[in-house]
Amino acid sequence: MSLPFGFRYLRNMALYLFKGLKETYIKDYGKDLKSRYDRADKTLYKEKVFCLDCLYYKNCKGKYWKRCPERAEALRKIRRKL
Protein backbone atom coordinates (compact mmCIF):
# COMPACT_ATOMS: atom_id res chain seq x y z
CA MET A 1 0.00 0.00 0.00
CA SER A 2 1.86 3.09 1.12
CA LEU A 3 4.29 4.60 3.56
CA PRO A 4 2.87 6.45 6.57
CA PHE A 5 1.28 9.81 5.72
CA GLY A 6 3.91 12.54 5.82
CA PHE A 7 6.83 10.08 5.75
CA ARG A 8 10.17 11.48 4.51
CA TYR A 9 13.39 9.58 4.08
CA LEU A 10 16.21 10.92 6.20
CA ARG A 11 19.91 10.14 5.98
CA ASN A 12 19.76 8.65 9.46
CA MET A 13 16.54 6.63 9.74
CA ALA A 14 17.15 6.13 13.48
CA LEU A 15 15.93 9.71 13.95
CA TYR A 16 12.38 8.45 13.50
CA LEU A 17 12.55 6.96 16.97
CA PHE A 18 12.73 10.50 18.31
CA LYS A 19 10.40 12.17 15.80
CA GLY A 20 7.27 10.31 16.78
CA LEU A 21 7.22 6.83 15.30
CA LYS A 22 4.75 5.91 18.04
CA GLU A 23 2.42 8.76 17.08
CA THR A 24 2.76 7.90 13.39
CA TYR A 25 1.77 4.28 14.03
CA ILE A 26 -1.24 5.37 16.09
CA LYS A 27 -2.38 7.86 13.42
CA ASP A 28 -1.96 5.46 10.52
CA TYR A 29 -2.98 2.13 12.07
CA GLY A 30 -4.88 2.96 15.29
CA LYS A 31 -3.92 2.12 18.88
CA ASP A 32 -4.70 -1.56 18.35
CA LEU A 33 -3.40 -1.66 14.71
CA LYS A 34 -6.85 -2.67 13.46
CA SER A 35 -7.68 0.42 11.39
CA ARG A 36 -9.10 -0.32 7.96
CA TYR A 37 -8.93 3.27 6.65
CA ASP A 38 -5.75 4.19 4.76
CA ARG A 39 -5.08 7.90 5.30
CA ALA A 40 -2.55 8.11 2.46
CA ASP A 41 -4.88 6.61 -0.16
CA LYS A 42 -8.05 7.89 1.57
CA THR A 43 -9.63 4.46 1.08
CA LEU A 44 -11.49 2.04 3.34
CA TYR A 45 -10.34 -1.59 2.98
CA LYS A 46 -11.80 -4.92 4.11
CA GLU A 47 -8.38 -5.95 5.46
CA LYS A 48 -6.42 -4.19 8.18
CA VAL A 49 -4.14 -1.52 6.70
CA PHE A 50 -1.29 -2.74 8.92
CA CYS A 51 -1.51 -6.16 7.26
CA LEU A 52 -1.65 -4.66 3.77
CA ASP A 53 1.54 -2.67 4.49
CA CYS A 54 3.36 -5.72 5.89
CA LEU A 55 6.22 -7.30 3.94
CA TYR A 56 4.78 -10.77 4.51
CA TYR A 57 1.21 -10.06 3.38
CA LYS A 58 1.52 -12.24 0.25
CA ASN A 59 2.11 -15.34 2.37
CA CYS A 60 0.02 -14.49 5.42
CA LYS A 61 -3.02 -12.56 4.09
CA GLY A 62 -3.74 -11.62 7.72
CA LYS A 63 -4.37 -15.23 8.84
CA TYR A 64 -1.62 -15.15 11.48
CA TRP A 65 -2.65 -11.86 13.12
CA LYS A 66 -2.48 -13.19 16.69
CA ARG A 67 1.11 -14.46 16.41
CA CYS A 68 2.49 -11.94 13.91
CA PRO A 69 6.00 -10.80 14.94
CA GLU A 70 5.62 -7.51 13.01
CA ARG A 71 2.42 -6.72 14.92
CA ALA A 72 4.09 -7.57 18.23
CA GLU A 73 7.00 -5.22 17.48
CA ALA A 74 4.68 -2.39 16.44
CA LEU A 75 2.59 -2.81 19.60
CA ARG A 76 5.78 -2.70 21.69
CA LYS A 77 6.69 0.62 20.06
CA ILE A 78 3.20 2.02 20.62
CA ARG A 79 3.03 0.97 24.26
CA ARG A 80 6.59 2.02 25.13
CA LYS A 81 6.73 5.11 27.29
CA LEU A 82 9.44 7.55 26.24
C-alpha atoms as a PDB file:
ATOM      1  CA  MET A   1       0.000   0.000   0.000  1.00  0.00           C
ATOM      2  CA  SER A   2       1.860   3.087   1.125  1.00  0.00           C
ATOM      3  CA  LEU A   3       4.285   4.602   3.562  1.00  0.00           C
ATOM      4  CA  PRO A   4       2.872   6.453   6.568  1.00  0.00           C
ATOM      5  CA  PHE A   5       1.278   9.808   5.721  1.00  0.00           C
ATOM      6  CA  GLY A   6       3.909  12.540   5.817  1.00  0.00           C
ATOM      7  CA  PHE A   7       6.834  10.076   5.750  1.00  0.00           C
ATOM      8  CA  ARG A   8      10.171  11.484   4.512  1.00  0.00           C
ATOM      9  CA  TYR A   9      13.388   9.579   4.076  1.00  0.00           C
ATOM     10  CA  LEU A  10      16.213  10.924   6.202  1.00  0.00           C
ATOM     11  CA  ARG A  11      19.906  10.138   5.983  1.00  0.00           C
ATOM     12  CA  ASN A  12      19.764   8.651   9.461  1.00  0.00           C
ATOM     13  CA  MET A  13      16.541   6.635   9.736  1.00  0.00           C
ATOM     14  CA  ALA A  14      17.146   6.130  13.477  1.00  0.00           C
ATOM     15  CA  LEU A  15      15.931   9.708  13.952  1.00  0.00           C
ATOM     16  CA  TYR A  16      12.375   8.446  13.498  1.00  0.00           C
ATOM     17  CA  LEU A  17      12.550   6.956  16.973  1.00  0.00           C
ATOM     18  CA  PHE A  18      12.730  10.498  18.311  1.00  0.00           C
ATOM     19  CA  LYS A  19      10.403  12.165  15.805  1.00  0.00           C
ATOM     20  CA  GLY A  20       7.268  10.315  16.784  1.00  0.00           C
ATOM     21  CA  LEU A  21       7.220   6.831  15.299  1.00  0.00           C
ATOM     22  CA  LYS A  22       4.749   5.909  18.044  1.00  0.00           C
ATOM     23  CA  GLU A  23       2.415   8.756  17.082  1.00  0.00           C
ATOM     24  CA  THR A  24       2.755   7.904  13.385  1.00  0.00           C
ATOM     25  CA  TYR A  25       1.767   4.277  14.032  1.00  0.00           C
ATOM     26  CA  ILE A  26      -1.242   5.370  16.086  1.00  0.00           C
ATOM     27  CA  LYS A  27      -2.381   7.862  13.423  1.00  0.00           C
ATOM     28  CA  ASP A  28      -1.958   5.457  10.523  1.00  0.00           C
ATOM     29  CA  TYR A  29      -2.979   2.127  12.073  1.00  0.00           C
ATOM     30  CA  GLY A  30      -4.877   2.958  15.288  1.00  0.00           C
ATOM     31  CA  LYS A  31      -3.920   2.118  18.876  1.00  0.00           C
ATOM     32  CA  ASP A  32      -4.704  -1.562  18.347  1.00  0.00           C
ATOM     33  CA  LEU A  33      -3.404  -1.661  14.714  1.00  0.00           C
ATOM     34  CA  LYS A  34      -6.852  -2.666  13.462  1.00  0.00           C
ATOM     35  CA  SER A  35      -7.681   0.421  11.392  1.00  0.00           C
ATOM     36  CA  ARG A  36      -9.103  -0.315   7.958  1.00  0.00           C
ATOM     37  CA  TYR A  37      -8.927   3.268   6.652  1.00  0.00           C
ATOM     38  CA  ASP A  38      -5.751   4.192   4.758  1.00  0.00           C
ATOM     39  CA  ARG A  39      -5.084   7.904   5.300  1.00  0.00           C
ATOM     40  CA  ALA A  40      -2.545   8.112   2.460  1.00  0.00           C
ATOM     41  CA  ASP A  41      -4.879   6.613  -0.160  1.00  0.00           C
ATOM     42  CA  LYS A  42      -8.055   7.889   1.568  1.00  0.00           C
ATOM     43  CA  THR A  43      -9.628   4.465   1.084  1.00  0.00           C
ATOM     44  CA  LEU A  44     -11.491   2.040   3.342  1.00  0.00           C
ATOM     45  CA  TYR A  45     -10.344  -1.591   2.975  1.00  0.00           C
ATOM     46  CA  LYS A  46     -11.804  -4.925   4.108  1.00  0.00           C
ATOM     47  CA  GLU A  47      -8.383  -5.948   5.459  1.00  0.00           C
ATOM     48  CA  LYS A  48      -6.422  -4.195   8.177  1.00  0.00           C
ATOM     49  CA  VAL A  49      -4.142  -1.519   6.700  1.00  0.00           C
ATOM     50  CA  PHE A  50      -1.293  -2.737   8.922  1.00  0.00           C
ATOM     51  CA  CYS A  51      -1.512  -6.163   7.258  1.00  0.00           C
ATOM     52  CA  LEU A  52      -1.646  -4.655   3.773  1.00  0.00           C
ATOM     53  CA  ASP A  53       1.538  -2.675   4.492  1.00  0.00           C
ATOM     54  CA  CYS A  54       3.363  -5.724   5.894  1.00  0.00           C
ATOM     55  CA  LEU A  55       6.223  -7.297   3.938  1.00  0.00           C
ATOM     56  CA  TYR A  56       4.784 -10.768   4.513  1.00  0.00           C
ATOM     57  CA  TYR A  57       1.215 -10.065   3.376  1.00  0.00           C
ATOM     58  CA  LYS A  58       1.522 -12.242   0.247  1.00  0.00           C
ATOM     59  CA  ASN A  59       2.115 -15.345   2.372  1.00  0.00           C
ATOM     60  CA  CYS A  60       0.016 -14.495   5.418  1.00  0.00           C
ATOM     61  CA  LYS A  61      -3.017 -12.562   4.087  1.00  0.00           C
ATOM     62  CA  GLY A  62      -3.740 -11.621   7.717  1.00  0.00           C
ATOM     63  CA  LYS A  63      -4.368 -15.228   8.844  1.00  0.00           C
ATOM     64  CA  TYR A  64      -1.618 -15.152  11.478  1.00  0.00           C
ATOM     65  CA  TRP A  65      -2.651 -11.863  13.119  1.00  0.00           C
ATOM     66  CA  LYS A  66      -2.481 -13.189  16.691  1.00  0.00           C
ATOM     67  CA  ARG A  67       1.109 -14.457  16.407  1.00  0.00           C
ATOM     68  CA  CYS A  68       2.495 -11.940  13.908  1.00  0.00           C
ATOM     69  CA  PRO A  69       6.005 -10.798  14.938  1.00  0.00           C
ATOM     70  CA  GLU A  70       5.618  -7.513  13.005  1.00  0.00           C
ATOM     71  CA  ARG A  71       2.424  -6.724  14.924  1.00  0.00           C
ATOM     72  CA  ALA A  72       4.094  -7.569  18.234  1.00  0.00           C
ATOM     73  CA  GLU A  73       6.999  -5.222  17.484  1.00  0.00           C
ATOM     74  CA  ALA A  74       4.680  -2.390  16.435  1.00  0.00           C
ATOM     75  CA  LEU A  75       2.586  -2.815  19.600  1.00  0.00           C
ATOM     76  CA  ARG A  76       5.779  -2.698  21.692  1.00  0.00           C
ATOM     77  CA  LYS A  77       6.695   0.616  20.059  1.00  0.00           C
ATOM     78  CA  ILE A  78       3.199   2.016  20.624  1.00  0.00           C
ATOM     79  CA  ARG A  79       3.029   0.968  24.265  1.00  0.00           C
ATOM     80  CA  ARG A  80       6.592   2.020  25.126  1.00  0.00           C
ATOM     81  CA  LYS A  81       6.729   5.109  27.291  1.00  0.00           C
ATOM     82  CA  LEU A  82       9.440   7.545  26.243  1.00  0.00           C
END
